[in-house]
């Protein structure tokens, strides 16, 4: 299982502002964005979706939700391929 890599606000600050994991040719990121409230986590899976708001304010739960979103998108694409 690939490991998540956290990115902090700055080298002096321990606040995590994004966490990324690479799988295959994709990269999934759970991140903050300046245009959203500071406690909102977004998810982006490049080439699949961008800045989807997660329901959780907890980073670990937001990571789980982001992975589930990727699984749903891939499952839907596979069903369409079978049609």
N, C-alpha and C. Protein backbone atom coordinates (compact mmCIF):
# COMPACT_ATOMS: atom_id res chain seq x y z
N UNK A 1 0.85 -1.19 0.00
CA UNK A 1 0.00 0.00 0.00
C UNK A 1 0.89 1.24 0.00
N UNK A 2 0.66 2.15 -0.93
CA UNK A 2 1.46 3.39 -0.96
C UNK A 2 1.26 4.21 0.31
N UNK A 3 2.27 4.95 0.69
CA UNK A 3 2.23 5.79 1.89
C UNK A 3 1.82 7.22 1.53
N UNK A 4 1.05 7.82 2.41
CA UNK A 4 0.70 9.22 2.27
C UNK A 4 1.89 10.07 2.68
N UNK A 5 2.10 11.18 1.97
CA UNK A 5 3.16 12.12 2.31
C UNK A 5 2.51 13.45 2.68
N UNK A 6 2.74 13.87 3.92
CA UNK A 6 2.17 15.13 4.40
C UNK A 6 3.04 16.30 4.01
N UNK A 7 2.37 17.42 3.70
CA UNK A 7 3.07 18.67 3.44
C UNK A 7 2.61 19.67 4.49
N UNK A 8 3.57 20.35 5.08
CA UNK A 8 3.26 21.31 6.14
C UNK A 8 3.23 22.73 5.60
N UNK A 9 2.60 23.60 6.35
CA UNK A 9 2.46 24.99 5.96
C UNK A 9 3.83 25.63 5.72
N UNK A 10 4.75 25.36 6.60
CA UNK A 10 6.13 25.83 6.45
C UNK A 10 7.02 24.95 7.31
N UNK A 11 8.30 25.08 7.15
CA UNK A 11 9.22 24.25 7.93
C UNK A 11 9.13 24.57 9.42
N UNK A 12 8.65 25.76 9.76
CA UNK A 12 8.52 26.16 11.16
C UNK A 12 7.17 25.76 11.77
N UNK A 13 6.22 25.48 10.91
CA UNK A 13 4.84 25.24 11.36
C UNK A 13 4.50 23.77 11.18
N UNK A 14 3.92 23.15 12.19
CA UNK A 14 3.58 21.73 12.11
C UNK A 14 2.20 21.48 11.48
N UNK A 15 1.49 22.54 11.11
CA UNK A 15 0.16 22.39 10.53
C UNK A 15 0.25 21.72 9.15
N UNK A 16 -0.47 20.62 8.97
CA UNK A 16 -0.49 19.93 7.68
C UNK A 16 -1.52 20.61 6.79
N UNK A 17 -1.10 20.96 5.57
CA UNK A 17 -2.01 21.62 4.63
C UNK A 17 -2.37 20.71 3.46
N UNK A 18 -1.63 19.62 3.28
CA UNK A 18 -2.02 18.64 2.28
C UNK A 18 -1.32 17.31 2.57
N UNK A 19 -1.92 16.28 2.02
CA UNK A 19 -1.35 14.95 2.14
C UNK A 19 -1.60 14.28 0.79
N UNK A 20 -0.57 13.65 0.23
CA UNK A 20 -0.68 13.08 -1.11
C UNK A 20 -0.23 11.63 -1.11
N UNK A 21 -0.83 10.87 -2.01
CA UNK A 21 -0.42 9.49 -2.24
C UNK A 21 -0.44 9.25 -3.75
N UNK A 22 0.56 8.55 -4.25
CA UNK A 22 0.61 8.21 -5.67
C UNK A 22 0.22 6.75 -5.83
N UNK A 23 -0.62 6.48 -6.83
CA UNK A 23 -1.01 5.11 -7.15
C UNK A 23 -1.12 5.00 -8.66
N UNK A 24 -0.36 4.07 -9.21
CA UNK A 24 -0.33 3.96 -10.67
C UNK A 24 0.12 5.26 -11.28
N UNK A 25 -0.61 5.73 -12.26
CA UNK A 25 -0.27 7.00 -12.90
C UNK A 25 -1.00 8.18 -12.28
N UNK A 26 -1.71 7.94 -11.18
CA UNK A 26 -2.50 8.97 -10.53
C UNK A 26 -1.85 9.47 -9.24
N UNK A 27 -2.29 10.67 -8.84
CA UNK A 27 -1.91 11.23 -7.55
C UNK A 27 -3.19 11.72 -6.89
N UNK A 28 -3.41 11.28 -5.65
CA UNK A 28 -4.57 11.70 -4.87
C UNK A 28 -4.08 12.63 -3.77
N UNK A 29 -4.70 13.79 -3.69
CA UNK A 29 -4.31 14.77 -2.67
C UNK A 29 -5.53 15.16 -1.85
N UNK A 30 -5.35 15.21 -0.54
CA UNK A 30 -6.34 15.79 0.37
C UNK A 30 -5.68 17.07 0.86
N UNK A 31 -6.34 18.18 0.64
CA UNK A 31 -5.66 19.46 0.82
C UNK A 31 -6.60 20.57 1.25
N UNK A 32 -6.01 21.65 1.67
CA UNK A 32 -6.74 22.89 2.00
C UNK A 32 -6.67 23.81 0.76
N UNK A 33 -7.56 24.81 0.73
CA UNK A 33 -7.53 25.79 -0.35
C UNK A 33 -7.92 27.14 0.21
N UNK A 34 -7.27 28.17 -0.25
CA UNK A 34 -7.46 29.53 0.27
C UNK A 34 -8.91 30.02 0.11
N UNK A 35 -9.64 29.50 -0.88
CA UNK A 35 -11.01 29.95 -1.14
C UNK A 35 -12.06 29.22 -0.31
N UNK A 36 -11.62 28.36 0.61
CA UNK A 36 -12.52 27.59 1.48
C UNK A 36 -12.20 27.92 2.93
N UNK A 37 -13.15 27.67 3.83
CA UNK A 37 -12.85 27.88 5.26
C UNK A 37 -11.64 27.03 5.68
N UNK A 38 -10.89 27.47 6.69
CA UNK A 38 -9.65 26.79 7.06
C UNK A 38 -9.80 25.37 7.58
N UNK A 39 -11.01 24.96 7.97
CA UNK A 39 -11.19 23.60 8.49
C UNK A 39 -11.76 22.63 7.45
N UNK A 40 -11.86 23.06 6.20
CA UNK A 40 -12.43 22.22 5.14
C UNK A 40 -11.31 21.50 4.39
N UNK A 41 -11.46 20.19 4.26
CA UNK A 41 -10.53 19.38 3.46
C UNK A 41 -11.16 19.14 2.09
N UNK A 42 -10.35 19.29 1.06
CA UNK A 42 -10.76 19.02 -0.31
C UNK A 42 -9.95 17.82 -0.80
N UNK A 43 -10.44 17.18 -1.84
CA UNK A 43 -9.68 16.10 -2.45
C UNK A 43 -9.58 16.36 -3.95
N UNK A 44 -8.43 16.04 -4.50
CA UNK A 44 -8.21 16.12 -5.93
C UNK A 44 -7.44 14.88 -6.36
N UNK A 45 -7.93 14.23 -7.39
CA UNK A 45 -7.22 13.11 -7.99
C UNK A 45 -7.01 13.51 -9.44
N UNK A 46 -5.83 13.94 -9.72
CA UNK A 46 -5.53 14.53 -11.01
C UNK A 46 -5.87 13.56 -12.14
N UNK A 47 -6.57 14.05 -13.13
CA UNK A 47 -7.15 13.35 -14.26
C UNK A 47 -8.50 12.71 -13.92
N UNK A 48 -8.93 12.74 -12.65
CA UNK A 48 -10.22 12.17 -12.28
C UNK A 48 -11.20 13.22 -11.76
N UNK A 49 -10.77 14.04 -10.79
CA UNK A 49 -11.63 15.10 -10.25
C UNK A 49 -10.75 16.12 -9.53
N UNK A 50 -11.32 17.30 -9.30
CA UNK A 50 -10.55 18.36 -8.66
C UNK A 50 -11.39 19.08 -7.61
N UNK A 51 -10.81 19.30 -6.46
CA UNK A 51 -11.37 20.08 -5.37
C UNK A 51 -12.77 19.65 -4.95
N UNK A 52 -12.94 18.37 -4.70
CA UNK A 52 -14.20 17.87 -4.16
C UNK A 52 -14.15 18.05 -2.65
N UNK A 53 -15.17 18.67 -2.10
CA UNK A 53 -15.19 18.93 -0.66
C UNK A 53 -15.51 17.65 0.11
N UNK A 54 -14.70 17.34 1.09
CA UNK A 54 -14.91 16.16 1.92
C UNK A 54 -15.82 16.53 3.08
N UNK A 55 -16.57 15.55 3.59
CA UNK A 55 -17.52 15.79 4.68
C UNK A 55 -16.85 15.93 6.04
N UNK A 56 -15.64 15.43 6.16
CA UNK A 56 -14.98 15.40 7.47
C UNK A 56 -13.97 16.54 7.64
N UNK A 57 -13.86 17.01 8.86
CA UNK A 57 -12.83 18.00 9.20
C UNK A 57 -11.57 17.31 9.71
N UNK A 58 -11.63 15.99 9.86
CA UNK A 58 -10.50 15.18 10.32
C UNK A 58 -9.72 14.68 9.10
N UNK A 59 -8.41 14.87 9.09
CA UNK A 59 -7.59 14.51 7.93
C UNK A 59 -7.68 13.03 7.60
N UNK A 60 -7.57 12.16 8.59
CA UNK A 60 -7.61 10.72 8.31
C UNK A 60 -8.96 10.29 7.72
N UNK A 61 -10.02 10.83 8.24
CA UNK A 61 -11.35 10.52 7.69
C UNK A 61 -11.50 11.08 6.28
N UNK A 62 -10.96 12.27 6.04
CA UNK A 62 -11.02 12.88 4.70
C UNK A 62 -10.21 12.04 3.70
N UNK A 63 -9.08 11.48 4.13
CA UNK A 63 -8.30 10.60 3.26
C UNK A 63 -9.13 9.37 2.87
N UNK A 64 -9.82 8.77 3.85
CA UNK A 64 -10.66 7.61 3.59
C UNK A 64 -11.76 7.97 2.59
N UNK A 65 -12.43 9.11 2.81
CA UNK A 65 -13.49 9.55 1.90
C UNK A 65 -12.95 9.78 0.49
N UNK A 66 -11.76 10.35 0.39
CA UNK A 66 -11.16 10.61 -0.92
C UNK A 66 -10.88 9.30 -1.64
N UNK A 67 -10.35 8.31 -0.93
CA UNK A 67 -10.09 7.00 -1.55
C UNK A 67 -11.40 6.36 -2.02
N UNK A 68 -12.45 6.49 -1.23
CA UNK A 68 -13.74 5.93 -1.62
C UNK A 68 -14.28 6.62 -2.87
N UNK A 69 -14.06 7.92 -2.98
CA UNK A 69 -14.50 8.66 -4.18
C UNK A 69 -13.77 8.15 -5.41
N UNK A 70 -12.47 7.92 -5.31
CA UNK A 70 -11.70 7.37 -6.43
C UNK A 70 -12.25 6.00 -6.81
N UNK A 71 -12.50 5.15 -5.82
CA UNK A 71 -13.03 3.81 -6.10
C UNK A 71 -14.38 3.88 -6.83
N UNK A 72 -15.25 4.80 -6.41
CA UNK A 72 -16.56 4.96 -7.06
C UNK A 72 -16.40 5.38 -8.52
N UNK A 73 -15.50 6.32 -8.77
CA UNK A 73 -15.29 6.81 -10.14
C UNK A 73 -14.74 5.69 -11.02
N UNK A 74 -13.79 4.94 -10.51
CA UNK A 74 -13.20 3.85 -11.30
C UNK A 74 -14.23 2.75 -11.53
N UNK A 75 -15.02 2.41 -10.50
CA UNK A 75 -16.04 1.38 -10.66
C UNK A 75 -17.07 1.80 -11.72
N UNK A 76 -17.47 3.06 -11.70
CA UNK A 76 -18.43 3.56 -12.69
C UNK A 76 -17.83 3.48 -14.09
N UNK A 77 -16.56 3.86 -14.23
CA UNK A 77 -15.90 3.79 -15.54
C UNK A 77 -15.83 2.35 -16.04
N UNK A 78 -15.57 1.42 -15.13
CA UNK A 78 -15.50 0.01 -15.51
C UNK A 78 -16.87 -0.51 -15.95
N UNK A 79 -17.94 -0.10 -15.26
CA UNK A 79 -19.28 -0.50 -15.66
C UNK A 79 -19.60 0.04 -17.05
N UNK A 80 -19.24 1.30 -17.32
CA UNK A 80 -19.48 1.89 -18.63
C UNK A 80 -18.69 1.16 -19.72
N UNK A 81 -17.50 0.71 -19.38
CA UNK A 81 -16.66 -0.01 -20.34
C UNK A 81 -17.31 -1.34 -20.72
N UNK A 82 -18.01 -1.95 -19.77
CA UNK A 82 -18.65 -3.25 -20.01
C UNK A 82 -19.94 -3.14 -20.83
N UNK A 83 -20.51 -1.94 -20.93
CA UNK A 83 -21.78 -1.77 -21.66
C UNK A 83 -21.60 -1.95 -23.15
